PDB file of all heavy atoms in Angstrom:
ATOM      1  N   TRP A   1       0.827  -1.197   0.000  1.00  0.00           N
ATOM      2  CA  TRP A   1       0.000   0.000   0.000  1.00  0.00           C
ATOM      3  C   TRP A   1       0.867   1.255   0.000  1.00  0.00           C
ATOM      4  O   TRP A   1       2.071   1.200   0.216  1.00  0.00           O
ATOM      5  CB  TRP A   1      -0.965  -0.002   1.181  1.00  0.00           C
ATOM      6  CG  TRP A   1      -0.314   0.010   2.536  1.00  0.00           C
ATOM      7  CD1 TRP A   1       0.267  -1.045   3.184  1.00  0.00           C
ATOM      8  CD2 TRP A   1      -0.176   1.128   3.407  1.00  0.00           C
ATOM      9  NE1 TRP A   1       0.752  -0.647   4.396  1.00  0.00           N
ATOM     10  CE2 TRP A   1       0.491   0.681   4.568  1.00  0.00           C
ATOM     11  CE3 TRP A   1      -0.562   2.455   3.326  1.00  0.00           C
ATOM     12  CZ2 TRP A   1       0.784   1.522   5.633  1.00  0.00           C
ATOM     13  CZ3 TRP A   1      -0.275   3.301   4.392  1.00  0.00           C
ATOM     14  CH2 TRP A   1       0.386   2.823   5.529  1.00  0.00           C
ATOM     15  N   CYS A   2       0.202   2.381  -0.278  1.00  0.00           N
ATOM     16  CA  CYS A   2       0.895   3.668  -0.267  1.00  0.00           C
ATOM     17  C   CYS A   2      -0.097   4.779   0.041  1.00  0.00           C
ATOM     18  O   CYS A   2      -1.309   4.599  -0.072  1.00  0.00           O
ATOM     19  CB  CYS A   2       1.565   3.934  -1.616  1.00  0.00           C
ATOM     20  SG  CYS A   2       0.415   4.298  -2.959  1.00  0.00           S
ATOM     21  N   ASN A   3       0.449   5.907   0.428  1.00  0.00           N
ATOM     22  CA  ASN A   3      -0.319   7.138   0.571  1.00  0.00           C
ATOM     23  C   ASN A   3      -0.143   7.887  -0.749  1.00  0.00           C
ATOM     24  O   ASN A   3       0.875   8.520  -0.970  1.00  0.00           O
ATOM     25  CB  ASN A   3       0.204   7.986   1.727  1.00  0.00           C
ATOM     26  CG  ASN A   3       0.069   7.297   3.061  1.00  0.00           C
ATOM     27  OD1 ASN A   3      -0.876   6.553   3.284  1.00  0.00           O
ATOM     28  ND2 ASN A   3       1.003   7.537   3.961  1.00  0.00           N
ATOM     29  N   ALA A   4      -1.132   7.787  -1.619  1.00  0.00           N
ATOM     30  CA  ALA A   4      -1.029   8.382  -2.952  1.00  0.00           C
ATOM     31  C   ALA A   4      -1.588   9.797  -2.946  1.00  0.00           C
ATOM     32  O   ALA A   4      -2.666  10.043  -2.405  1.00  0.00           O
ATOM     33  CB  ALA A   4      -1.802   7.534  -3.958  1.00  0.00           C
ATOM     34  N   ARG A   5      -0.845  10.711  -3.549  1.00  0.00           N
ATOM     35  CA  ARG A   5      -1.412  12.046  -3.753  1.00  0.00           C
ATOM     36  C   ARG A   5      -2.621  11.873  -4.666  1.00  0.00           C
ATOM     37  O   ARG A   5      -2.585  11.082  -5.609  1.00  0.00           O
ATOM     38  CB  ARG A   5      -0.389  12.980  -4.395  1.00  0.00           C
ATOM     39  CG  ARG A   5       0.717  13.367  -3.436  1.00  0.00           C
ATOM     40  CD  ARG A   5       1.618  14.406  -4.042  1.00  0.00           C
ATOM     41  NE  ARG A   5       2.719  14.684  -3.117  1.00  0.00           N
ATOM     42  CZ  ARG A   5       3.652  15.569  -3.341  1.00  0.00           C
ATOM     43  NH1 ARG A   5       3.659  16.273  -4.455  1.00  0.00           N
ATOM     44  NH2 ARG A   5       4.611  15.777  -2.458  1.00  0.00           N
ATOM     45  N   LYS A   6      -3.681  12.606  -4.370  1.00  0.00           N
ATOM     46  CA  LYS A   6      -4.936  12.454  -5.139  1.00  0.00           C
ATOM     47  C   LYS A   6      -4.705  12.615  -6.640  1.00  0.00           C
ATOM     48  O   LYS A   6      -5.313  11.915  -7.433  1.00  0.00           O
ATOM     49  CB  LYS A   6      -5.975  13.463  -4.657  1.00  0.00           C
ATOM     50  CG  LYS A   6      -6.569  13.105  -3.320  1.00  0.00           C
ATOM     51  CD  LYS A   6      -7.990  12.694  -3.448  1.00  0.00           C
ATOM     52  CE  LYS A   6      -8.487  12.333  -2.069  1.00  0.00           C
ATOM     53  NZ  LYS A   6      -9.885  12.311  -1.913  1.00  0.00           N
ATOM     54  N   ASN A   7      -3.798  13.512  -7.017  1.00  0.00           N
ATOM     55  CA  ASN A   7      -3.575  13.730  -8.447  1.00  0.00           C
ATOM     56  C   ASN A   7      -2.760  12.619  -9.094  1.00  0.00           C
ATOM     57  O   ASN A   7      -2.541  12.633 -10.305  1.00  0.00           O
ATOM     58  CB  ASN A   7      -2.912  15.090  -8.690  1.00  0.00           C
ATOM     59  CG  ASN A   7      -1.519  15.192  -8.107  1.00  0.00           C
ATOM     60  OD1 ASN A   7      -1.181  14.523  -7.137  1.00  0.00           O
ATOM     61  ND2 ASN A   7      -0.704  16.044  -8.687  1.00  0.00           N
ATOM     62  N   LYS A   8      -2.317  11.622  -8.324  1.00  0.00           N
ATOM     63  CA  LYS A   8      -1.544  10.499  -8.864  1.00  0.00           C
ATOM     64  C   LYS A   8      -2.308   9.170  -8.799  1.00  0.00           C
ATOM     65  O   LYS A   8      -1.759   8.125  -9.132  1.00  0.00           O
ATOM     66  CB  LYS A   8      -0.218  10.343  -8.108  1.00  0.00           C
ATOM     67  CG  LYS A   8       0.690  11.549  -8.228  1.00  0.00           C
ATOM     68  CD  LYS A   8       1.167  11.744  -9.641  1.00  0.00           C
ATOM     69  CE  LYS A   8       2.143  12.889  -9.749  1.00  0.00           C
ATOM     70  NZ  LYS A   8       2.534  13.170 -11.121  1.00  0.00           N
ATOM     71  N   VAL A   9      -3.567   9.214  -8.409  1.00  0.00           N
ATOM     72  CA  VAL A   9      -4.367   7.992  -8.251  1.00  0.00           C
ATOM     73  C   VAL A   9      -4.395   7.174  -9.542  1.00  0.00           C
ATOM     74  O   VAL A   9      -4.192   5.956  -9.522  1.00  0.00           O
ATOM     75  CB  VAL A   9      -5.796   8.339  -7.769  1.00  0.00           C
ATOM     76  CG1 VAL A   9      -6.750   7.159  -7.940  1.00  0.00           C
ATOM     77  CG2 VAL A   9      -5.761   8.773  -6.304  1.00  0.00           C
ATOM     78  N   ASN A  10      -4.621   7.815 -10.670  1.00  0.00           N
ATOM     79  CA  ASN A  10      -4.702   7.073 -11.938  1.00  0.00           C
ATOM     80  C   ASN A  10      -3.376   6.421 -12.294  1.00  0.00           C
ATOM     81  O   ASN A  10      -3.350   5.342 -12.887  1.00  0.00           O
ATOM     82  CB  ASN A  10      -5.189   7.979 -13.070  1.00  0.00           C
ATOM     83  CG  ASN A  10      -6.668   8.289 -12.934  1.00  0.00           C
ATOM     84  OD1 ASN A  10      -7.423   7.513 -12.356  1.00  0.00           O
ATOM     85  ND2 ASN A  10      -7.084   9.434 -13.438  1.00  0.00           N
ATOM     86  N   PHE A  11      -2.266   7.047 -11.929  1.00  0.00           N
ATOM     87  CA  PHE A  11      -0.957   6.446 -12.156  1.00  0.00           C
ATOM     88  C   PHE A  11      -0.864   5.114 -11.417  1.00  0.00           C
ATOM     89  O   PHE A  11      -0.493   4.091 -11.994  1.00  0.00           O
ATOM     90  CB  PHE A  11       0.149   7.396 -11.690  1.00  0.00           C
ATOM     91  CG  PHE A  11       1.526   6.792 -11.711  1.00  0.00           C
ATOM     92  CD1 PHE A  11       2.231   6.688 -12.904  1.00  0.00           C
ATOM     93  CD2 PHE A  11       2.117   6.320 -10.544  1.00  0.00           C
ATOM     94  CE1 PHE A  11       3.501   6.111 -12.938  1.00  0.00           C
ATOM     95  CE2 PHE A  11       3.385   5.757 -10.559  1.00  0.00           C
ATOM     96  CZ  PHE A  11       4.078   5.652 -11.766  1.00  0.00           C
ATOM     97  N   TYR A  12      -1.241   5.093 -10.138  1.00  0.00           N
ATOM     98  CA  TYR A  12      -1.137   3.877  -9.345  1.00  0.00           C
ATOM     99  C   TYR A  12      -2.140   2.812  -9.773  1.00  0.00           C
ATOM    100  O   TYR A  12      -1.881   1.618  -9.650  1.00  0.00           O
ATOM    101  CB  TYR A  12      -1.279   4.202  -7.853  1.00  0.00           C
ATOM    102  CG  TYR A  12      -0.103   4.986  -7.335  1.00  0.00           C
ATOM    103  CD1 TYR A  12      -0.259   6.283  -6.861  1.00  0.00           C
ATOM    104  CD2 TYR A  12       1.179   4.442  -7.324  1.00  0.00           C
ATOM    105  CE1 TYR A  12       0.826   7.003  -6.400  1.00  0.00           C
ATOM    106  CE2 TYR A  12       2.272   5.153  -6.866  1.00  0.00           C
ATOM    107  CZ  TYR A  12       2.083   6.439  -6.404  1.00  0.00           C
ATOM    108  OH  TYR A  12       3.162   7.153  -5.962  1.00  0.00           O
ATOM    109  N   LYS A  13      -3.278   3.233 -10.301  1.00  0.00           N
ATOM    110  CA  LYS A  13      -4.266   2.269 -10.793  1.00  0.00           C
ATOM    111  C   LYS A  13      -3.693   1.425 -11.928  1.00  0.00           C
ATOM    112  O   LYS A  13      -4.048   0.263 -12.088  1.00  0.00           O
ATOM    113  CB  LYS A  13      -5.539   2.986 -11.260  1.00  0.00           C
ATOM    114  CG  LYS A  13      -6.425   3.427 -10.118  1.00  0.00           C
ATOM    115  CD  LYS A  13      -7.691   4.084 -10.647  1.00  0.00           C
ATOM    116  CE  LYS A  13      -8.625   4.451  -9.503  1.00  0.00           C
ATOM    117  NZ  LYS A  13      -9.857   5.097 -10.001  1.00  0.00           N
ATOM    118  N   LYS A  14      -2.775   1.992 -12.721  1.00  0.00           N
ATOM    119  CA  LYS A  14      -2.146   1.245 -13.825  1.00  0.00           C
ATOM    120  C   LYS A  14      -1.355   0.047 -13.314  1.00  0.00           C
ATOM    121  O   LYS A  14      -1.075  -0.880 -14.059  1.00  0.00           O
ATOM    122  CB  LYS A  14      -1.206   2.157 -14.624  1.00  0.00           C
ATOM    123  CG  LYS A  14      -1.909   3.240 -15.408  1.00  0.00           C
ATOM    124  CD  LYS A  14      -0.964   3.983 -16.335  1.00  0.00           C
ATOM    125  CE  LYS A  14       0.062   4.765 -15.567  1.00  0.00           C
ATOM    126  NZ  LYS A  14       0.923   5.610 -16.427  1.00  0.00           N
ATOM    127  N   PHE A  15      -1.007   0.057 -12.031  1.00  0.00           N
ATOM    128  CA  PHE A  15      -0.223  -1.029 -11.435  1.00  0.00           C
ATOM    129  C   PHE A  15      -1.091  -1.961 -10.594  1.00  0.00           C
ATOM    130  O   PHE A  15      -0.580  -2.800  -9.873  1.00  0.00           O
ATOM    131  CB  PHE A  15       0.913  -0.443 -10.588  1.00  0.00           C
ATOM    132  CG  PHE A  15       1.842   0.397 -11.400  1.00  0.00           C
ATOM    133  CD1 PHE A  15       1.614   1.751 -11.540  1.00  0.00           C
ATOM    134  CD2 PHE A  15       2.920  -0.168 -12.070  1.00  0.00           C
ATOM    135  CE1 PHE A  15       2.453   2.537 -12.328  1.00  0.00           C
ATOM    136  CE2 PHE A  15       3.753   0.600 -12.863  1.00  0.00           C
ATOM    137  CZ  PHE A  15       3.509   1.961 -12.986  1.00  0.00           C
ATOM    138  N   GLY A  16      -2.400  -1.768 -10.678  1.00  0.00           N
ATOM    139  CA  GLY A  16      -3.321  -2.636  -9.969  1.00  0.00           C
ATOM    140  C   GLY A  16      -3.658  -2.196  -8.554  1.00  0.00           C
ATOM    141  O   GLY A  16      -4.354  -2.915  -7.839  1.00  0.00           O
ATOM    142  N   LEU A  17      -3.173  -1.032  -8.135  1.00  0.00           N
ATOM    143  CA  LEU A  17      -3.532  -0.542  -6.809  1.00  0.00           C
ATOM    144  C   LEU A  17      -4.947   0.025  -6.859  1.00  0.00           C
ATOM    145  O   LEU A  17      -5.367   0.600  -7.872  1.00  0.00           O
ATOM    146  CB  LEU A  17      -2.552   0.525  -6.318  1.00  0.00           C
ATOM    147  CG  LEU A  17      -1.267  -0.043  -5.730  1.00  0.00           C
ATOM    148  CD1 LEU A  17      -0.200  -0.193  -6.797  1.00  0.00           C
ATOM    149  CD2 LEU A  17      -0.760   0.828  -4.601  1.00  0.00           C
ATOM    150  N   GLN A  18      -5.665  -0.172  -5.764  1.00  0.00           N
ATOM    151  CA  GLN A  18      -7.040   0.301  -5.681  1.00  0.00           C
ATOM    152  C   GLN A  18      -7.187   1.280  -4.528  1.00  0.00           C
ATOM    153  O   GLN A  18      -6.518   1.152  -3.497  1.00  0.00           O
ATOM    154  CB  GLN A  18      -7.992  -0.879  -5.481  1.00  0.00           C
ATOM    155  CG  GLN A  18      -7.960  -1.858  -6.637  1.00  0.00           C
ATOM    156  CD  GLN A  18      -8.861  -3.059  -6.399  1.00  0.00           C
ATOM    157  OE1 GLN A  18      -9.261  -3.355  -5.278  1.00  0.00           O
ATOM    158  NE2 GLN A  18      -9.178  -3.764  -7.477  1.00  0.00           N
ATOM    159  N   GLU A  19      -8.087   2.222  -4.721  1.00  0.00           N
ATOM    160  CA  GLU A  19      -8.352   3.203  -3.680  1.00  0.00           C
ATOM    161  C   GLU A  19      -9.049   2.540  -2.499  1.00  0.00           C
ATOM    162  O   GLU A  19      -9.897   1.671  -2.681  1.00  0.00           O
ATOM    163  CB  GLU A  19      -9.259   4.317  -4.212  1.00  0.00           C
ATOM    164  CG  GLU A  19      -8.650   5.120  -5.326  1.00  0.00           C
ATOM    165  CD  GLU A  19      -9.623   6.131  -5.907  1.00  0.00           C
ATOM    166  OE1 GLU A  19     -10.070   7.024  -5.153  1.00  0.00           O
ATOM    167  OE2 GLU A  19      -9.935   6.006  -7.110  1.00  0.00           O
ATOM    168  N   THR A  20      -8.676   2.947  -1.295  1.00  0.00           N
ATOM    169  CA  THR A  20      -9.401   2.532  -0.095  1.00  0.00           C
ATOM    170  C   THR A  20     -10.325   3.687   0.290  1.00  0.00           C
ATOM    171  O   THR A  20     -10.394   4.699  -0.412  1.00  0.00           O
ATOM    172  CB  THR A  20      -8.428   2.222   1.059  1.00  0.00           C
ATOM    173  OG1 THR A  20      -7.798   3.439   1.465  1.00  0.00           O
ATOM    174  CG2 THR A  20      -7.387   1.188   0.650  1.00  0.00           C
ATOM    175  N   HIS A  21     -10.984   3.549   1.401  1.00  0.00           N
ATOM    176  CA  HIS A  21     -11.875   4.613   1.874  1.00  0.00           C
ATOM    177  C   HIS A  21     -11.148   5.566   2.820  1.00  0.00           C
ATOM    178  O   HIS A  21     -11.778   6.434   3.426  1.00  0.00           O
ATOM    179  CB  HIS A  21     -13.106   4.008   2.552  1.00  0.00           C
ATOM    180  CG  HIS A  21     -13.940   3.191   1.615  1.00  0.00           C
ATOM    181  ND1 HIS A  21     -14.658   3.751   0.588  1.00  0.00           N
ATOM    182  CD2 HIS A  21     -14.130   1.859   1.518  1.00  0.00           C
ATOM    183  CE1 HIS A  21     -15.269   2.799  -0.094  1.00  0.00           C
ATOM    184  NE2 HIS A  21     -14.971   1.631   0.447  1.00  0.00           N
ATOM    185  N   SER A  22      -9.830   5.418   2.948  1.00  0.00           N
ATOM    186  CA  SER A  22      -9.060   6.254   3.859  1.00  0.00           C
ATOM    187  C   SER A  22      -8.320   7.351   3.096  1.00  0.00           C
ATOM    188  O   SER A  22      -7.642   7.069   2.103  1.00  0.00           O
ATOM    189  CB  SER A  22      -8.036   5.413   4.626  1.00  0.00           C
ATOM    190  OG  SER A  22      -8.694   4.411   5.375  1.00  0.00           O
ATOM    191  N   SER A  23      -8.471   8.568   3.580  1.00  0.00           N
ATOM    192  CA  SER A  23      -7.777   9.692   2.958  1.00  0.00           C
ATOM    193  C   SER A  23      -7.401  10.696   4.041  1.00  0.00           C
ATOM    194  O   SER A  23      -7.912  10.651   5.158  1.00  0.00           O
ATOM    195  CB  SER A  23      -8.652  10.349   1.895  1.00  0.00           C
ATOM    196  OG  SER A  23      -9.841  10.848   2.470  1.00  0.00           O
ATOM    197  N   PHE A  24      -6.497  11.599   3.691  1.00  0.00           N
ATOM    198  CA  PHE A  24      -6.069  12.626   4.634  1.00  0.00           C
ATOM    199  C   PHE A  24      -5.424  13.773   3.878  1.00  0.00           C
ATOM    200  O   PHE A  24      -5.154  13.680   2.676  1.00  0.00           O
ATOM    201  CB  PHE A  24      -5.107  12.048   5.677  1.00  0.00           C
ATOM    202  CG  PHE A  24      -3.830  11.490   5.109  1.00  0.00           C
ATOM    203  CD1 PHE A  24      -2.677  12.260   5.028  1.00  0.00           C
ATOM    204  CD2 PHE A  24      -3.770  10.176   4.656  1.00  0.00           C
ATOM    205  CE1 PHE A  24      -1.511  11.741   4.501  1.00  0.00           C
ATOM    206  CE2 PHE A  24      -2.606   9.640   4.135  1.00  0.00           C
ATOM    207  CZ  PHE A  24      -1.467  10.436   4.048  1.00  0.00           C
ATOM    208  N   ILE A  25      -5.183  14.857   4.585  1.00  0.00           N
ATOM    209  CA  ILE A  25      -4.507  16.025   4.021  1.00  0.00           C
ATOM    210  C   ILE A  25      -3.265  16.287   4.855  1.00  0.00           C
ATOM    211  O   ILE A  25      -3.315  16.274   6.090  1.00  0.00           O
ATOM    212  CB  ILE A  25      -5.430  17.263   4.022  1.00  0.00           C
ATOM    213  CG1 ILE A  25      -6.623  17.009   3.089  1.00  0.00           C
ATOM    214  CG2 ILE A  25      -4.663  18.515   3.582  1.00  0.00           C
ATOM    215  CD1 ILE A  25      -7.686  18.079   3.130  1.00  0.00           C
ATOM    216  N   LYS A  26      -2.135  16.491   4.162  1.00  0.00           N
ATOM    217  CA  LYS A  26      -0.876  16.811   4.841  1.00  0.00           C
ATOM    218  C   LYS A  26      -0.192  17.918   4.048  1.00  0.00           C
ATOM    219  O   LYS A  26      -0.086  17.817   2.819  1.00  0.00           O
ATOM    220  CB  LYS A  26       0.027  15.574   4.916  1.00  0.00           C
ATOM    221  CG  LYS A  26       1.360  15.830   5.601  1.00  0.00           C
ATOM    222  CD  LYS A  26       2.237  14.601   5.587  1.00  0.00           C
ATOM    223  CE  LYS A  26       3.595  14.952   6.179  1.00  0.00           C
ATOM    224  NZ  LYS A  26       4.542  13.862   6.023  1.00  0.00           N
ATOM    225  N   GLU A  27       0.243  18.927   4.752  1.00  0.00           N
ATOM    226  CA  GLU A  27       0.944  20.047   4.101  1.00  0.00           C
ATOM    227  C   GLU A  27       0.120  20.619   2.943  1.00  0.00           C
ATOM    228  O   GLU A  27       0.658  21.029   1.918  1.00  0.00           O
ATOM    229  CB  GLU A  27       2.315  19.603   3.596  1.00  0.00           C
ATOM    230  CG  GLU A  27       3.270  19.133   4.670  1.00  0.00           C
ATOM    231  CD  GLU A  27       3.945  20.285   5.407  1.00  0.00           C
ATOM    232  OE1 GLU A  27       4.151  21.353   4.815  1.00  0.00           O
ATOM    233  OE2 GLU A  27       4.265  20.086   6.592  1.00  0.00           O
ATOM    234  N   GLY A  28      -1.208  20.624   3.113  1.00  0.00           N
ATOM    235  CA  GLY A  28      -2.087  21.180   2.091  1.00  0.00           C
ATOM    236  C   GLY A  28      -2.308  20.284   0.882  1.00  0.00           C
ATOM    237  O   GLY A  28      -2.979  20.676  -0.069  1.00  0.00           O
ATOM    238  N   LYS A  29      -1.776  19.063   0.907  1.00  0.00           N
ATOM    239  CA  LYS A  29      -1.941  18.124  -0.209  1.00  0.00           C
ATOM    240  C   LYS A  29      -2.878  16.996   0.209  1.00  0.00           C
ATOM    241  O   LYS A  29      -2.792  16.488   1.324  1.00  0.00           O
ATOM    242  CB  LYS A  29      -0.588  17.551  -0.638  1.00  0.00           C
ATOM    243  CG  LYS A  29       0.376  18.603  -1.185  1.00  0.00           C
ATOM    244  CD  LYS A  29       1.681  17.972  -1.596  1.00  0.00           C
ATOM    245  CE  LYS A  29       2.780  18.909  -1.971  1.00  0.00           C
ATOM    246  NZ  LYS A  29       2.517  20.145  -2.565  1.00  0.00           N
TER     247      LYS A  29
END
């Protein structure tokens, strides 16, 4: 697993990673 920046979600999907229901904001990202 990883903490993916929201704008990189589609990049990680290409490798078979799926979004979970957990999200957060750090340093405004």
